[in-house]
Amino acid sequence: MPKAVRREPPPETPAPIRPNMLLINGNAVSSTFAQTDLSHSVLTQVRFFNSRLHQSNFEGSAFDDCDLDGATFTGCSLRGVEFTNCDVDRLVINGINIGNLLRLLHGTQGGL
């Protein structure tokens, strides 16, 4: 006769990063994201200070009140992305310093 086996529930693991997420108060300072899909996500008060984001998908995402100072996006899909009240001083997208560009165009201090 087979013996009954008691199965324990799997241990809790952190939620994976996936598309269509709501991220609030995240801290990704000096982090690297590569080939990450955060499409159609809402990122609120997330710190990407001095982070590297490479070949990742942010299509249709919204960044609200995020710290992007010194962040670098290379080869990322940014179609339809909205940046609202973000610190973009020293933000670089595909080699273009967005903070400097905004200062030239609008005379601002890097906020968007």
C-alpha atoms as a PDB file:
ATOM      1  CA  MET A   1       0.000   0.000   0.000  1.00  0.00           C
ATOM      2  CA  PRO A   2       1.466   3.414  -0.982  1.00  0.00           C
ATOM      3  CA  LYS A   3       2.466   5.688   1.835  1.00  0.00           C
ATOM      4  CA  ALA A   4       0.771   9.117   2.032  1.00  0.00           C
ATOM      5  CA  VAL A   5       3.170  11.966   1.363  1.00  0.00           C
ATOM      6  CA  ARG A   6       2.573  15.310   2.961  1.00  0.00           C
ATOM      7  CA  ARG A   7       3.449  18.165   0.640  1.00  0.00           C
ATOM      8  CA  GLU A   8       4.537  21.465   2.062  1.00  0.00           C
ATOM      9  CA  PRO A   9       3.512  24.612   0.199  1.00  0.00           C
ATOM     10  CA  PRO A  10       6.365  26.148  -1.778  1.00  0.00           C
ATOM     11  CA  PRO A  11       8.289  28.868   0.060  1.00  0.00           C
ATOM     12  CA  GLU A  12       7.257  32.427  -0.707  1.00  0.00           C
ATOM     13  CA  THR A  13       9.464  34.093  -3.275  1.00  0.00           C
ATOM     14  CA  PRO A  14       9.594  37.765  -4.207  1.00  0.00           C
ATOM     15  CA  ALA A  15       7.279  38.753  -7.038  1.00  0.00           C
ATOM     16  CA  PRO A  16       9.130  38.753 -10.363  1.00  0.00           C
ATOM     17  CA  ILE A  17       9.442  41.844 -12.516  1.00  0.00           C
ATOM     18  CA  ARG A  18       6.913  41.500 -15.310  1.00  0.00           C
ATOM     19  CA  PRO A  19       4.902  43.643 -17.728  1.00  0.00           C
ATOM     20  CA  ASN A  20       1.922  45.696 -16.567  1.00  0.00           C
ATOM     21  CA  MET A  21       3.168  46.283 -13.019  1.00  0.00           C
ATOM     22  CA  LEU A  22       2.619  49.034 -10.499  1.00  0.00           C
ATOM     23  CA  LEU A  23       5.914  49.869  -8.791  1.00  0.00           C
ATOM     24  CA  ILE A  24       5.801  52.375  -5.932  1.00  0.00           C
ATOM     25  CA  ASN A  25       8.713  53.646  -3.818  1.00  0.00           C
ATOM     26  CA  GLY A  26      11.214  51.285  -5.430  1.00  0.00           C
ATOM     27  CA  ASN A  27      14.932  51.725  -4.896  1.00  0.00           C
ATOM     28  CA  ALA A  28      17.079  50.748  -7.877  1.00  0.00           C
ATOM     29  CA  VAL A  29      20.013  53.081  -7.203  1.00  0.00           C
ATOM     30  CA  SER A  30      23.125  52.142  -9.214  1.00  0.00           C
ATOM     31  CA  SER A  31      21.361  49.063 -10.596  1.00  0.00           C
ATOM     32  CA  THR A  32      21.480  47.437 -14.014  1.00  0.00           C
ATOM     33  CA  PHE A  33      18.400  46.258 -15.901  1.00  0.00           C
ATOM     34  CA  ALA A  34      19.033  44.317 -19.103  1.00  0.00           C
ATOM     35  CA  GLN A  35      16.399  42.808 -21.399  1.00  0.00           C
ATOM     36  CA  THR A  36      13.669  43.491 -18.833  1.00  0.00           C
ATOM     37  CA  ASP A  37      10.027  43.853 -19.886  1.00  0.00           C
ATOM     38  CA  LEU A  38       8.246  46.577 -17.925  1.00  0.00           C
ATOM     39  CA  SER A  39       5.860  47.494 -20.735  1.00  0.00           C
ATOM     40  CA  HIS A  40       2.582  49.180 -19.756  1.00  0.00           C
ATOM     41  CA  SER A  41       3.761  49.610 -16.166  1.00  0.00           C
ATOM     42  CA  VAL A  42       3.335  52.527 -13.793  1.00  0.00           C
ATOM     43  CA  LEU A  43       6.456  53.502 -11.865  1.00  0.00           C
ATOM     44  CA  THR A  44       5.838  56.000  -9.070  1.00  0.00           C
ATOM     45  CA  GLN A  45       8.553  57.438  -6.824  1.00  0.00           C
ATOM     46  CA  VAL A  46      11.093  54.870  -8.026  1.00  0.00           C
ATOM     47  CA  ARG A  47      14.789  55.783  -7.732  1.00  0.00           C
ATOM     48  CA  PHE A  48      16.887  54.848 -10.774  1.00  0.00           C
ATOM     49  CA  PHE A  49      19.709  57.223  -9.746  1.00  0.00           C
ATOM     50  CA  ASN A  50      22.903  56.302 -11.665  1.00  0.00           C
ATOM     51  CA  SER A  51      21.316  53.090 -13.019  1.00  0.00           C
ATOM     52  CA  ARG A  52      21.842  51.424 -16.405  1.00  0.00           C
ATOM     53  CA  LEU A  53      18.807  50.223 -18.373  1.00  0.00           C
ATOM     54  CA  HIS A  54      19.792  48.282 -21.483  1.00  0.00           C
ATOM     55  CA  GLN A  55      17.662  46.702 -24.224  1.00  0.00           C
ATOM     56  CA  SER A  56      14.574  46.761 -22.022  1.00  0.00           C
ATOM     57  CA  ASN A  57      10.938  47.327 -22.952  1.00  0.00           C
ATOM     58  CA  PHE A  58       9.153  50.281 -21.304  1.00  0.00           C
ATOM     59  CA  GLU A  59       6.592  50.747 -24.082  1.00  0.00           C
ATOM     60  CA  GLY A  60       3.435  52.476 -22.823  1.00  0.00           C
ATOM     61  CA  SER A  61       4.819  52.910 -19.297  1.00  0.00           C
ATOM     62  CA  ALA A  62       4.433  55.945 -17.048  1.00  0.00           C
ATOM     63  CA  PHE A  63       7.189  57.309 -14.805  1.00  0.00           C
ATOM     64  CA  ASP A  64       5.760  59.612 -12.126  1.00  0.00           C
ATOM     65  CA  ASP A  65       7.913  61.481  -9.618  1.00  0.00           C
ATOM     66  CA  CYS A  66      10.899  59.196 -10.317  1.00  0.00           C
ATOM     67  CA  ASP A  67      14.589  59.958  -9.781  1.00  0.00           C
ATOM     68  CA  LEU A  68      16.310  59.327 -13.116  1.00  0.00           C
ATOM     69  CA  ASP A  69      19.307  61.567 -12.379  1.00  0.00           C
ATOM     70  CA  GLY A  70      22.356  59.944 -13.954  1.00  0.00           C
ATOM     71  CA  ALA A  71      20.396  56.996 -15.375  1.00  0.00           C
ATOM     72  CA  THR A  72      21.317  55.680 -18.823  1.00  0.00           C
ATOM     73  CA  PHE A  73      18.860  54.049 -21.235  1.00  0.00           C
ATOM     74  CA  THR A  74      20.446  52.285 -24.228  1.00  0.00           C
ATOM     75  CA  GLY A  75      18.566  50.339 -26.874  1.00  0.00           C
ATOM     76  CA  CYS A  76      15.300  50.473 -24.900  1.00  0.00           C
ATOM     77  CA  SER A  77      11.792  50.676 -26.319  1.00  0.00           C
ATOM     78  CA  LEU A  78      10.339  53.927 -24.981  1.00  0.00           C
ATOM     79  CA  ARG A  79       7.386  54.260 -27.382  1.00  0.00           C
ATOM     80  CA  GLY A  80       4.479  55.987 -25.639  1.00  0.00           C
ATOM     81  CA  VAL A  81       6.367  56.493 -22.353  1.00  0.00           C
ATOM     82  CA  GLU A  82       5.362  59.420 -20.146  1.00  0.00           C
ATOM     83  CA  PHE A  83       7.698  61.142 -17.682  1.00  0.00           C
ATOM     84  CA  THR A  84       5.856  63.347 -15.153  1.00  0.00           C
ATOM     85  CA  ASN A  85       7.586  65.319 -12.384  1.00  0.00           C
ATOM     86  CA  CYS A  86      10.781  63.266 -12.790  1.00  0.00           C
ATOM     87  CA  ASP A  87      14.336  64.342 -12.039  1.00  0.00           C
ATOM     88  CA  VAL A  88      16.008  63.880 -15.430  1.00  0.00           C
ATOM     89  CA  ASP A  89      19.174  65.840 -14.725  1.00  0.00           C
ATOM     90  CA  ARG A  90      22.019  63.866 -16.353  1.00  0.00           C
ATOM     91  CA  LEU A  91      19.527  61.302 -17.776  1.00  0.00           C
ATOM     92  CA  VAL A  92      21.016  59.873 -20.977  1.00  0.00           C
ATOM     93  CA  ILE A  93      18.915  58.119 -23.633  1.00  0.00           C
ATOM     94  CA  ASN A  94      20.904  56.532 -26.476  1.00  0.00           C
ATOM     95  CA  GLY A  95      23.783  58.961 -25.954  1.00  0.00           C
ATOM     96  CA  ILE A  96      21.628  62.117 -25.634  1.00  0.00           C
ATOM     97  CA  ASN A  97      21.778  63.953 -22.313  1.00  0.00           C
ATOM     98  CA  ILE A  98      18.112  64.760 -21.730  1.00  0.00           C
ATOM     99  CA  GLY A  99      18.751  67.125 -18.811  1.00  0.00           C
ATOM    100  CA  ASN A 100      21.066  69.269 -20.949  1.00  0.00           C
ATOM    101  CA  LEU A 101      18.628  69.161 -23.864  1.00  0.00           C
ATOM    102  CA  LEU A 102      15.769  70.394 -21.664  1.00  0.00           C
ATOM    103  CA  ARG A 103      17.911  73.184 -20.231  1.00  0.00           C
ATOM    104  CA  LEU A 104      18.727  74.315 -23.778  1.00  0.00           C
ATOM    105  CA  LEU A 105      15.107  74.159 -24.908  1.00  0.00           C
ATOM    106  CA  HIS A 106      13.312  75.489 -21.836  1.00  0.00           C
ATOM    107  CA  GLY A 107      15.908  76.924 -19.490  1.00  0.00           C
ATOM    108  CA  THR A 108      14.858  74.446 -16.744  1.00  0.00           C
ATOM    109  CA  GLN A 109      17.008  72.760 -14.110  1.00  0.00           C
ATOM    110  CA  GLY A 110      16.398  69.212 -15.345  1.00  0.00           C
ATOM    111  CA  GLY A 111      12.917  68.533 -13.950  1.00  0.00           C
ATOM    112  CA  LEU A 112      10.281  67.198 -16.276  1.00  0.00           C
END
